[in-house]
Amino acid sequence: MKKTLLAGLILGVLAIAMSRTTPTTPEPATMLLFGIGLIGVAGFSKKLSHKK
């Protein structure tokens, strides 16, 4: 049963990845989100390093 569920999940993900109807994210917005994420990770790691 687990193999069937895993195979179905993989096929579903591949179908979504291959479909052409998914909305595209504009490149500037992608870079902005990526930058905000990096700043958040850097701040969180700095916060954890000061606790020690």
Protein backbone atom coordinates (compact mmCIF):
# COMPACT_ATOMS: atom_id res chain seq x y z
CA MET A 1 0.00 0.00 0.00
CA LYS A 2 2.86 2.41 0.79
CA LYS A 3 4.43 1.81 -2.63
CA THR A 4 1.16 2.60 -4.37
CA LEU A 5 0.71 5.78 -2.34
CA LEU A 6 4.29 6.85 -3.03
CA ALA A 7 3.93 6.14 -6.75
CA GLY A 8 0.70 8.14 -6.86
CA LEU A 9 2.33 11.03 -5.04
CA ILE A 10 5.29 11.06 -7.42
CA LEU A 11 3.02 10.95 -10.46
CA GLY A 12 0.92 13.79 -9.03
CA VAL A 13 3.95 15.96 -8.42
CA LEU A 14 5.28 15.25 -11.91
CA ALA A 15 1.91 16.09 -13.44
CA ILE A 16 1.82 19.42 -11.63
CA ALA A 17 5.42 20.19 -12.58
CA MET A 18 4.79 19.41 -16.23
CA SER A 19 1.50 21.28 -16.57
CA ARG A 20 1.68 24.58 -18.38
CA THR A 21 -1.23 26.16 -16.52
CA THR A 22 0.68 27.00 -13.35
CA PRO A 23 1.09 30.74 -12.82
CA THR A 24 4.62 32.05 -13.17
CA THR A 25 6.22 34.28 -10.58
CA PRO A 26 7.91 37.39 -11.95
CA GLU A 27 11.68 37.28 -11.50
CA PRO A 28 12.01 40.45 -9.36
CA ALA A 29 9.45 39.12 -6.88
CA THR A 30 11.27 35.78 -6.70
CA MET A 31 14.57 37.48 -5.95
CA LEU A 32 12.93 39.71 -3.33
CA LEU A 33 11.41 36.71 -1.55
CA PHE A 34 14.71 34.85 -1.72
CA GLY A 35 16.56 37.84 -0.27
CA ILE A 36 14.05 38.25 2.56
CA GLY A 37 14.42 34.55 3.35
CA LEU A 38 18.21 34.81 3.45
CA ILE A 39 18.04 37.82 5.76
CA GLY A 40 15.68 35.92 8.04
CA VAL A 41 17.94 32.86 8.16
CA ALA A 42 20.98 35.03 8.86
CA GLY A 43 19.18 36.87 11.66
CA PHE A 44 17.92 33.65 13.20
CA SER A 45 21.38 32.03 13.12
CA LYS A 46 22.92 35.17 14.63
CA LYS A 47 20.31 35.12 17.38
CA LEU A 48 21.07 31.46 18.14
CA SER A 49 24.84 32.04 18.19
CA HIS A 50 24.53 34.86 20.77
CA LYS A 51 22.58 32.62 23.18
CA LYS A 52 25.55 30.31 23.75
